[in-house]
Every structure is written in C-alpha cells, then in structure tokens.
Amino acid sequence: MRVELGLDRDPTLADLRSELRNWITDNAPPGLADLLDWRSGVDLPGSVASRVSEEERACAIRDPRYRQWEQRCLDARLVCPAWPTEHGGRGWHAPEMTVLDEEFYRAGVPRVDRVQGESMVGPSIILHGTDDQRVRFLPPIRSGDHRYCQGFSEPAAGSDLASARTRGVVDGDEVIITGQKVWTSRFATANMIFVLCRTNPQESKHRGLSYVIVPFTPGENGIEVRPIRQMTGAAEFAEVFFDATRARLADVIGGLGRGWQVVQSTLAFERAAAGRASTMLIQARRRELRDLIDLARRKGLTGDPLVRQDLAWAATQVLLLSTTWSRTVAEIAAGREPGRQQTAWKLMWSEYHLRLGEIALRIAGPGALARPAGVGYPTDDWQDAYLVAHSGTVYAGTSEVHRNIIGEGVLGLPREPRPAAAIRS
C-alpha cells in the first residue's frame, strides 16, 4: 500500500498530485535525474540506500542542469513551500508536503531543500523576528546562500536546553559569545549557526537565554570546530567552541532574554518537519528491504525458513509503517491533531530499524564482523545500517521515554517511580 492512496481520497490533494506530476515533466531539464541517485539523497542516515558521497553530491549540484532546476523550483515557490506566501512559500502543511515529496521521489528528481534553514530557523524568524530580520535572513535561506547548523546541545546539559552554559555578553551593539556546543550536524556545509546562549545569568534558567544568529566561520571570529569520529568511521557531527565570538545585537531573534520561547518554536517546527522525514523514511525502508532480499538471494538463503521468517516480518513492518503514516497524514488533512500517535510512530520505526540491522548482519554472515580494507576505518553498507540504527533509539526522544509516554499518557498506567534524589531536588 502506498501512502498517497489515503491522500488521494481528498480531491484537492489528488489535483495537486496531478499538477506537480505535470510540472515536473514540463520543467525537469533533460538528464537531471541521471546526474545522481537523488532518491538516495533524501534517504535517512543508516539506510543502505543513502550512500552518496559528498563529492558526488557537490559535483551534481554544480552542474548547470541542477542550477536550472533550482531556479525553476524557486520561481514556482517549490523551495520552502511550507512558508507563508508573503515570504515566498505556498503555505503548505503536512498533506501537501507529503504529496510534493512523493512526486519528486517518484520522478527521481531533487527536492531543493534548505534543511534546517527551511524547517527550523526560517519559521522561527517568521514567528518571532522583526521585519528587518525577516528581510535580511529569509531570502538568503530560500536562495541557498545561507546554510545553517544548530548550536543548542552542550556537553554538561544533555537534552536539558534550559541548562545551557554558553555565555553571551552584550557589548554595545554586539553580543560576545563564549562556550561550547556539541553534536552539531551539517557543520561541514554550513556558513551560519543559530546559537542558544545565556545573556542574563541573574535570571532563572529559562528567562536568561537568548537566540542568536551567527555567521559560521571556523578558524575565524573565535570559532573552532572539532569533528567527532563515530563508530561508523564517519564524522557527521562536531564540537563547536566559541571564544569571544562576536555577533550583532540586531541578530538576536525574539529579543534578549526571550530565547527560550524561540527555542520552543524551533523545536516545534522541527517536529512538524518530521512529516517530510517520515515520508522519506518509508521510501528508504522500502528500498532497504529490497536490497536485503537481494542480498539473501545472492547468499542462497531465500530457502532458509528462518531467513524467510525474518524477511516476512520486515516486509510486514514496512507495510505497517506506511499505513500508520498514511493514517497520521489523513488525520492532519482532516484538521485533527495526531497526538500520541506520533510517539508510537517514532518508537515503531526506530525499533524496527534496530532489529532489521541485526537481521541484515545475520544474512551477511561472519564477514559482517570484519570491516573492509581501506582508510578511515570504513564500514560496508549493512554494517553502517546496523551501527547507525542504534542512534535512532536515542535521538528525537529515547525509546524508554516514548514507552513511558505511551504507557502513562495513552494506556493510563501508573507513572514511573522517580529516584529519591530527583524528588529532593
């Protein structure tokens, strides 16, 4: 079952699908789909379908055919389409965005995506920024001139953003930032960063924070970046150090001391953007399952009853993922909030992928215990999928937290006992 079957019961969405399909046919430059496996470009980390090197991607994006496509998407307001129309978007929500992503995926053409600038920073500036800030920051996000990474997490704070210790001292018309951030993703391509810092240590921890836009210039303006090597051999995250880094006071979003409100909006927009990630996740899991079945065939294991049972389980789970997300989008299209269903969805796909990684390594055989030869301590596709799958049970809320939410908020079970030390504090 495909996700769009539920959406196409809405005639407006069915018309949009037809409109987008025709637009792509009329506007995609010849050869665009052959520049790169663009479907891999939108798959989530940890999928064997996501192995496109940064060099390959950079080369494809420099191609005149991609540049032509990018401009046509900009002209058609298909870049940042969830933004309000007055800011260059189309005002689309999860159902329309799902149809858009499905059609671009079906055609094998790239969805021009400004990533964190599009889904997190831009919407926060639209909601909390001044008119001047909207004029200065929104157009460069849409054009791709500004590429963002996130400066929220800190080593001593964990997921408690309100405990941020990075300092911001107001000096005339500037803010001087000193401190450390960690788990900064997309640092390698970013030239801007949004930073949560404490500008008033006298206030309570939620009220003394500010949200500052800072040019991301590693090696300059007191910014140092140290990539974090992961167990996969990749370095997708980094530590970022600020040593008297200067930012403009005019680039504080929401006003001094009001950073917590802006952060909450940014995180809410990030969760809303998970709709697109969910659509792509389903596509990634389908491709991955097909690849795993092909691996079993090459290994001569498709007649093994235990392997067949594992693959049947995986196929059932992928179908359930698809229908569950279809139901969620249908509820949003009908104007209803999906509520706790989102929690069950996140738990479902992350735990599925963890088990799938184990199944894949069993099918791959003893050779899966050894890394391939080569520099950088590499992993092969299935080793990478297995190792990265563990992170899915941690980010966006751990599996334990989501089980508590479901147990207490949905099933009405007694609340988890709190440690005595936590109660005293």
Protein backbone atom coordinates (compact mmCIF):
# COMPACT_ATOMS: atom_id res chain seq x y z
CA MET A 1 0.00 0.00 0.00
CA ARG A 2 1.35 3.41 -0.94
CA VAL A 3 0.98 6.44 1.30
CA GLU A 4 -0.69 8.54 -1.41
CA LEU A 5 -3.72 6.22 -1.69
CA GLY A 6 -5.15 7.69 1.51
CA LEU A 7 -4.31 11.24 0.50
CA ASP A 8 -5.84 10.93 -2.94
CA ARG A 9 -9.28 10.47 -1.44
CA ASP A 10 -9.12 14.25 -0.99
CA PRO A 11 -9.85 15.68 -4.45
CA THR A 12 -7.78 18.79 -3.72
CA LEU A 13 -4.71 16.69 -2.96
CA ALA A 14 -5.37 14.48 -5.98
CA ASP A 15 -5.43 17.61 -8.15
CA LEU A 16 -2.21 18.82 -6.56
CA ARG A 17 -0.54 15.48 -7.32
CA SER A 18 -1.55 15.75 -10.97
CA GLU A 19 -0.41 19.37 -11.12
CA LEU A 20 3.01 18.53 -9.66
CA ARG A 21 3.47 15.50 -11.88
CA ASN A 22 2.81 17.61 -14.98
CA TRP A 23 5.01 20.44 -13.72
CA ILE A 24 7.94 18.09 -13.18
CA THR A 25 7.51 16.63 -16.67
CA ASP A 26 7.49 20.11 -18.20
CA ASN A 27 10.31 21.64 -16.15
CA ALA A 28 12.90 18.96 -15.29
CA PRO A 29 15.95 19.58 -17.53
CA PRO A 30 16.92 16.58 -19.67
CA GLY A 31 19.47 14.43 -17.86
CA LEU A 32 18.75 15.89 -14.40
CA ALA A 33 17.58 12.56 -12.99
CA ASP A 34 20.77 10.88 -14.26
CA LEU A 35 23.19 13.26 -12.53
CA LEU A 36 22.83 11.45 -9.22
CA ASP A 37 20.63 8.95 -7.45
CA TRP A 38 18.56 11.76 -5.97
CA ARG A 39 16.39 9.25 -4.12
CA SER A 40 19.43 8.29 -2.08
CA GLY A 41 19.96 11.96 -1.38
CA VAL A 42 16.77 12.15 0.66
CA ASP A 43 17.02 8.79 2.44
CA LEU A 44 17.76 8.93 6.13
CA PRO A 45 21.14 8.06 7.68
CA GLY A 46 21.56 4.39 8.37
CA SER A 47 19.90 3.22 5.17
CA VAL A 48 21.98 1.29 2.68
CA ALA A 49 20.28 3.46 0.07
CA SER A 50 21.86 6.63 1.45
CA ARG A 51 25.45 6.06 0.36
CA VAL A 52 26.06 9.10 -1.86
CA SER A 53 29.40 10.78 -1.24
CA GLU A 54 29.70 14.48 -0.56
CA GLU A 55 31.96 14.76 -3.61
CA GLU A 56 29.33 13.20 -5.86
CA ARG A 57 26.65 15.45 -4.47
CA ALA A 58 28.75 18.60 -4.77
CA CYS A 59 29.60 17.76 -8.37
CA ALA A 60 25.93 17.21 -9.26
CA ILE A 61 24.83 20.44 -7.60
CA ARG A 62 27.40 22.42 -9.59
CA ASP A 63 26.01 21.05 -12.87
CA PRO A 64 24.13 23.65 -14.99
CA ARG A 65 21.12 21.32 -15.18
CA TYR A 66 20.75 21.33 -11.42
CA ARG A 67 21.15 25.13 -11.32
CA GLN A 68 18.43 25.50 -13.92
CA TRP A 69 16.16 23.17 -11.96
CA GLU A 70 16.86 25.05 -8.72
CA GLN A 71 15.84 28.35 -10.30
CA ARG A 72 12.67 26.87 -11.74
CA CYS A 73 11.73 25.50 -8.34
CA LEU A 74 12.37 28.91 -6.79
CA ASP A 75 10.22 30.62 -9.41
CA ALA A 76 7.40 28.12 -8.79
CA ARG A 77 7.61 28.62 -4.99
CA LEU A 78 8.57 24.98 -4.53
CA VAL A 79 11.53 25.92 -2.33
CA CYS A 80 10.41 26.42 1.29
CA PRO A 81 6.80 25.75 0.20
CA ALA A 82 5.60 25.39 3.81
CA TRP A 83 6.43 29.06 4.44
CA PRO A 84 3.61 31.62 4.17
CA THR A 85 3.01 33.07 0.71
CA GLU A 86 4.17 36.53 1.80
CA HIS A 87 7.60 35.05 2.49
CA GLY A 88 7.97 33.16 -0.77
CA GLY A 89 6.27 29.88 0.11
CA ARG A 90 2.88 28.34 -0.58
CA GLY A 91 1.59 27.95 2.97
CA TRP A 92 1.51 24.17 2.65
CA HIS A 93 1.07 21.74 5.54
CA ALA A 94 1.92 18.05 6.05
CA PRO A 95 -0.54 16.61 3.46
CA GLU A 96 0.62 18.92 0.65
CA MET A 97 4.27 18.47 1.60
CA THR A 98 3.82 14.69 1.56
CA VAL A 99 2.38 14.80 -1.96
CA LEU A 100 5.23 17.07 -3.08
CA ASP A 101 7.92 14.77 -1.71
CA GLU A 102 6.27 11.66 -3.13
CA GLU A 103 6.07 13.12 -6.62
CA PHE A 104 9.65 14.35 -6.64
CA TYR A 105 10.77 10.97 -5.32
CA ARG A 106 8.71 9.12 -7.94
CA ALA A 107 10.28 11.18 -10.73
CA GLY A 108 13.79 10.74 -9.33
CA VAL A 109 14.44 14.49 -9.27
CA PRO A 110 15.84 16.50 -6.33
CA ARG A 111 13.61 18.38 -3.95
CA VAL A 112 15.53 21.64 -3.43
CA ASP A 113 15.68 21.60 0.35
CA ARG A 114 17.25 24.26 2.60
CA VAL A 115 17.22 21.79 5.51
CA GLN A 116 17.49 23.46 8.95
CA GLY A 117 17.20 26.92 7.46
CA GLU A 118 13.93 25.94 5.82
CA SER A 119 12.35 23.83 8.54
CA MET A 120 13.65 25.42 11.75
CA VAL A 121 15.33 28.83 11.50
CA GLY A 122 13.12 30.42 8.86
CA PRO A 123 9.79 29.60 10.56
CA SER A 124 11.18 30.81 13.91
CA ILE A 125 12.22 34.14 12.36
CA ILE A 126 8.82 34.46 10.68
CA LEU A 127 7.13 34.00 14.06
CA HIS A 128 9.49 35.86 16.42
CA GLY A 129 11.71 38.07 14.25
CA THR A 130 11.42 41.73 13.40
CA ASP A 131 10.53 42.98 9.92
CA ASP A 132 14.19 43.87 9.40
CA GLN A 133 15.30 40.37 10.42
CA ARG A 134 12.79 38.76 8.06
CA VAL A 135 14.06 40.88 5.19
CA ARG A 136 17.72 40.11 5.96
CA PHE A 137 17.51 36.41 6.80
CA LEU A 138 14.63 34.80 4.90
CA PRO A 139 15.64 35.47 1.26
CA PRO A 140 19.19 34.08 1.75
CA ILE A 141 17.67 30.87 3.16
CA ARG A 142 15.43 30.40 0.14
CA SER A 143 18.25 31.18 -2.30
CA GLY A 144 20.61 28.78 -0.57
CA ASP A 145 23.17 31.47 0.25
CA HIS A 146 22.70 30.82 3.99
CA ARG A 147 23.16 27.21 5.13
CA TYR A 148 22.54 26.57 8.82
CA CYS A 149 23.73 24.27 11.56
CA GLN A 150 22.35 24.16 15.10
CA GLY A 151 24.08 25.42 18.25
CA PHE A 152 21.84 24.08 21.02
CA SER A 153 23.26 20.94 22.70
CA GLU A 154 26.05 21.22 25.27
CA PRO A 155 28.24 18.56 26.96
CA ALA A 156 27.02 19.28 30.51
CA ALA A 157 23.36 19.89 29.68
CA GLY A 158 22.33 16.82 27.68
CA SER A 159 18.77 17.30 26.45
CA ASP A 160 18.09 19.99 29.08
CA LEU A 161 18.50 23.02 26.82
CA ALA A 162 17.48 25.39 29.60
CA SER A 163 20.73 24.49 31.40
CA ALA A 164 22.86 25.97 28.61
CA ARG A 165 26.09 27.49 29.93
CA THR A 166 27.38 29.18 26.78
CA ARG A 167 27.62 32.87 27.71
CA GLY A 168 26.55 35.87 25.71
CA VAL A 169 27.77 39.24 26.98
CA VAL A 170 26.27 42.38 25.49
CA ASP A 171 28.98 44.83 24.42
CA GLY A 172 27.50 47.89 22.75
CA ASP A 173 25.73 46.73 19.60
CA GLU A 174 27.28 43.25 19.76
CA VAL A 175 26.93 40.03 21.73
CA ILE A 176 30.22 38.29 22.68
CA ILE A 177 29.69 34.53 22.85
CA THR A 178 31.92 32.11 24.79
CA GLY A 179 31.22 28.42 25.34
CA GLN A 180 30.92 25.01 23.73
CA LYS A 181 28.30 23.18 21.69
CA VAL A 182 28.29 19.50 20.76
CA TRP A 183 26.55 17.10 18.33
CA THR A 184 26.43 19.84 15.71
CA SER A 185 25.22 18.23 12.49
CA ARG A 186 25.64 19.68 8.97
CA PHE A 187 28.64 21.66 10.18
CA ALA A 188 30.66 20.74 7.07
CA THR A 189 28.38 22.66 4.68
CA ALA A 190 27.08 25.41 7.00
CA ASN A 191 28.02 29.07 6.87
CA MET A 192 25.51 30.16 9.55
CA ILE A 193 24.64 28.83 13.00
CA PHE A 194 21.79 29.59 15.40
CA VAL A 195 23.11 29.67 18.96
CA LEU A 196 21.39 29.45 22.32
CA CYS A 197 23.39 31.37 24.92
CA ARG A 198 22.89 32.77 28.41
CA THR A 199 22.83 36.56 28.29
CA ASN A 200 21.48 37.16 31.80
CA PRO A 201 22.85 34.75 34.44
CA GLN A 202 20.87 36.57 37.16
CA GLU A 203 17.54 35.39 35.72
CA SER A 204 16.03 31.93 36.14
CA LYS A 205 17.47 29.41 33.73
CA HIS A 206 14.58 29.71 31.26
CA ARG A 207 14.46 33.52 31.26
CA GLY A 208 18.13 34.36 30.86
CA LEU A 209 18.60 32.79 27.42
CA SER A 210 18.92 34.42 24.02
CA TYR A 211 18.74 33.01 20.48
CA VAL A 212 21.42 34.50 18.26
CA ILE A 213 22.15 34.11 14.54
CA VAL A 214 25.91 33.95 13.98
CA PRO A 215 27.97 33.64 10.78
CA PHE A 216 29.65 30.22 10.96
CA THR A 217 33.31 30.87 10.16
CA PRO A 218 35.52 28.07 11.55
CA GLY A 219 39.03 29.39 12.18
CA GLU A 220 37.79 32.98 12.33
CA ASN A 221 35.95 35.16 14.86
CA GLY A 222 36.85 32.80 17.70
CA ILE A 223 35.06 29.76 16.23
CA GLU A 224 36.78 26.37 16.40
CA VAL A 225 35.29 23.15 15.03
CA ARG A 226 36.38 19.64 16.03
CA PRO A 227 34.69 16.81 14.07
CA ILE A 228 33.52 13.83 16.15
CA ARG A 229 34.53 10.48 14.70
CA GLN A 230 31.69 7.97 15.00
CA MET A 231 31.90 4.20 15.27
CA THR A 232 30.87 4.00 11.61
CA GLY A 233 34.06 5.85 10.67
CA ALA A 234 32.11 8.91 9.54
CA ALA A 235 32.25 12.34 11.18
CA GLU A 236 28.71 13.70 10.75
CA PHE A 237 28.82 15.71 14.00
CA ALA A 238 31.21 18.16 15.56
CA GLU A 239 32.05 20.06 18.71
CA VAL A 240 31.94 23.82 18.22
CA PHE A 241 33.87 26.18 20.50
CA PHE A 242 33.18 29.91 20.77
CA ASP A 243 35.97 32.07 22.20
CA ALA A 244 34.76 35.69 22.38
CA THR A 245 32.85 35.23 19.13
CA ARG A 246 31.15 38.45 18.12
CA ALA A 247 27.61 38.59 16.78
CA ARG A 248 25.36 41.54 16.08
CA LEU A 249 22.85 42.51 18.75
CA ALA A 250 20.45 43.09 15.86
CA ASP A 251 20.69 39.36 15.10
CA VAL A 252 19.15 38.26 18.40
CA ILE A 253 15.82 36.70 17.44
CA GLY A 254 12.87 37.46 19.72
CA GLY A 255 14.81 39.91 21.91
CA LEU A 256 17.33 39.50 24.72
CA GLY A 257 16.28 37.03 27.38
CA ARG A 258 13.46 35.61 25.25
CA GLY A 259 15.44 32.81 23.69
CA TRP A 260 13.51 30.06 25.44
CA GLN A 261 10.29 31.00 23.63
CA VAL A 262 12.11 30.99 20.30
CA VAL A 263 13.79 27.65 21.06
CA GLN A 264 10.42 26.07 21.83
CA SER A 265 9.10 27.30 18.50
CA THR A 266 12.19 26.00 16.68
CA LEU A 267 11.78 22.55 18.24
CA ALA A 268 8.05 22.54 17.42
CA PHE A 269 8.86 23.38 13.80
CA GLU A 270 11.44 20.60 13.80
CA ARG A 271 8.80 18.11 14.94
CA ALA A 272 6.39 19.39 12.31
CA ALA A 273 9.08 18.90 9.67
CA ALA A 274 9.28 15.26 10.73
CA GLY A 275 6.41 14.72 8.31
CA ARG A 276 8.77 15.04 5.42
CA ALA A 277 11.33 12.86 7.15
CA SER A 278 8.61 10.27 7.71
CA THR A 279 7.70 10.21 4.05
CA MET A 280 11.33 9.75 3.09
CA LEU A 281 11.86 7.22 5.85
CA ILE A 282 9.19 4.96 4.39
CA GLN A 283 10.78 5.18 0.95
CA ALA A 284 14.19 4.42 2.45
CA ARG A 285 12.91 1.40 4.35
CA ARG A 286 11.27 0.01 1.20
CA ARG A 287 14.45 0.31 -0.80
CA GLU A 288 16.50 -1.12 2.03
CA LEU A 289 14.24 -4.17 2.31
CA ARG A 290 14.53 -4.81 -1.42
CA ASP A 291 18.32 -4.61 -1.10
CA LEU A 292 18.27 -7.05 1.82
CA ILE A 293 16.16 -9.54 -0.12
CA ASP A 294 18.65 -9.28 -2.99
CA LEU A 295 21.48 -9.97 -0.52
CA ALA A 296 19.67 -13.09 0.73
CA ARG A 297 19.29 -14.27 -2.86
CA ARG A 298 22.98 -13.76 -3.59
CA LYS A 299 23.83 -15.71 -0.44
CA GLY A 300 21.48 -18.53 -1.46
CA LEU A 301 19.46 -18.11 1.73
CA THR A 302 15.96 -17.46 0.40
CA GLY A 303 15.06 -21.10 1.05
CA ASP A 304 16.14 -20.94 4.70
CA PRO A 305 12.91 -20.90 6.78
CA LEU A 306 14.39 -18.65 9.49
CA VAL A 307 15.61 -16.12 6.91
CA ARG A 308 12.24 -16.20 5.18
CA GLN A 309 10.53 -15.60 8.52
CA ASP A 310 12.78 -12.61 9.25
CA LEU A 311 12.19 -11.12 5.80
CA ALA A 312 8.44 -11.66 6.09
CA TRP A 313 8.49 -9.87 9.45
CA ALA A 314 10.42 -6.96 7.92
CA ALA A 315 8.02 -6.72 4.96
CA THR A 316 5.07 -6.64 7.37
CA GLN A 317 6.69 -3.90 9.44
CA VAL A 318 7.38 -1.74 6.37
CA LEU A 319 3.72 -2.10 5.38
CA LEU A 320 2.65 -1.10 8.88
CA LEU A 321 4.99 1.91 8.78
CA SER A 322 3.42 3.02 5.53
CA THR A 323 -0.19 2.62 6.64
CA THR A 324 0.48 4.21 10.04
CA TRP A 325 2.00 7.30 8.48
CA SER A 326 -0.82 7.40 5.89
CA ARG A 327 -3.35 7.47 8.74
CA THR A 328 -1.42 10.23 10.52
CA VAL A 329 -1.34 12.45 7.43
CA ALA A 330 -5.03 11.78 6.78
CA GLU A 331 -5.83 12.97 10.31
CA ILE A 332 -3.81 16.14 9.76
CA ALA A 333 -5.58 16.70 6.41
CA ALA A 334 -8.91 16.41 8.24
CA GLY A 335 -7.83 19.08 10.71
CA ARG A 336 -7.22 16.74 13.64
CA GLU A 337 -4.09 16.57 15.79
CA PRO A 338 -2.45 13.12 15.66
CA GLY A 339 -1.39 13.45 19.29
CA ARG A 340 0.25 10.44 20.92
CA GLN A 341 0.21 8.58 17.61
CA GLN A 342 3.39 10.45 16.71
CA THR A 343 5.07 8.95 19.76
CA ALA A 344 4.08 5.43 18.76
CA TRP A 345 5.29 6.13 15.22
CA LYS A 346 8.76 7.20 16.32
CA LEU A 347 9.11 4.19 18.61
CA MET A 348 7.91 1.90 15.85
CA TRP A 349 10.35 2.91 13.11
CA SER A 350 13.41 3.21 15.35
CA GLU A 351 12.94 -0.18 16.98
CA TYR A 352 12.17 -1.75 13.58
CA HIS A 353 15.41 -0.50 12.11
CA LEU A 354 17.44 -1.73 15.06
CA ARG A 355 16.14 -5.27 14.58
CA LEU A 356 16.49 -5.06 10.81
CA GLY A 357 20.18 -4.26 11.24
CA GLU A 358 20.60 -7.44 13.28
CA ILE A 359 18.77 -9.47 10.62
CA ALA A 360 20.96 -7.97 7.89
CA LEU A 361 24.18 -8.91 9.65
CA ARG A 362 22.97 -12.48 10.18
CA ILE A 363 22.21 -12.73 6.46
CA ALA A 364 25.57 -11.15 5.57
CA GLY A 365 27.30 -13.87 7.59
CA PRO A 366 30.57 -13.98 9.54
CA GLY A 367 32.17 -11.50 7.15
CA ALA A 368 30.00 -8.80 8.73
CA LEU A 369 32.26 -8.95 11.80
CA ALA A 370 35.23 -7.53 9.87
CA ARG A 371 35.47 -4.05 8.43
CA PRO A 372 36.50 -3.70 4.79
CA ALA A 373 40.08 -2.76 3.97
CA GLY A 374 40.72 0.93 3.43
CA VAL A 375 41.49 4.21 5.10
CA GLY A 376 39.29 5.82 7.71
CA TYR A 377 38.19 2.61 9.45
CA PRO A 378 35.33 2.11 6.96
CA THR A 379 32.14 0.06 7.24
CA ASP A 380 30.20 -1.63 4.48
CA ASP A 381 26.57 -0.75 3.80
CA TRP A 382 24.98 -3.27 6.16
CA GLN A 383 27.46 -2.67 8.97
CA ASP A 384 26.73 1.03 8.66
CA ALA A 385 22.97 0.46 8.76
CA TYR A 386 23.31 -1.71 11.88
CA LEU A 387 25.55 0.71 13.76
CA VAL A 388 23.59 3.84 12.89
CA ALA A 389 20.27 2.19 13.76
CA HIS A 390 21.23 2.36 17.45
CA SER A 391 21.20 6.16 17.31
CA GLY A 392 17.58 6.13 16.13
CA THR A 393 16.53 4.79 19.53
CA VAL A 394 18.17 7.81 21.20
CA TYR A 395 17.64 10.96 19.12
CA ALA A 396 14.21 12.65 18.92
CA GLY A 397 13.46 11.06 22.30
CA THR A 398 14.76 7.74 23.57
CA SER A 399 12.70 4.58 23.21
CA GLU A 400 12.40 4.47 27.01
CA VAL A 401 10.90 7.97 27.10
CA HIS A 402 8.44 7.16 24.32
CA ARG A 403 7.36 3.95 26.06
CA ASN A 404 6.70 5.98 29.22
CA ILE A 405 4.62 8.48 27.25
CA ILE A 406 2.54 5.71 25.72
CA GLY A 407 2.19 3.80 28.98
CA GLU A 408 1.25 6.78 31.13
CA GLY A 409 -0.46 9.07 28.59
CA VAL A 410 -2.29 6.53 26.43
CA LEU A 411 -2.72 3.34 28.46
CA GLY A 412 -3.20 5.13 31.79
CA LEU A 413 -0.56 3.10 33.60
CA PRO A 414 0.93 4.39 36.89
CA ARG A 415 3.70 6.92 36.48
CA GLU A 416 7.25 5.64 36.62
CA PRO A 417 8.69 5.99 40.15
CA ARG A 418 11.15 8.85 40.42
CA PRO A 419 14.50 8.39 42.21
CA ALA A 420 14.58 9.85 45.71
CA ALA A 421 17.40 12.24 44.71
CA ALA A 422 15.29 13.68 41.90
CA ILE A 423 12.34 14.19 44.25
CA ARG A 424 14.51 16.04 46.81
CA SER A 425 15.95 18.35 44.12
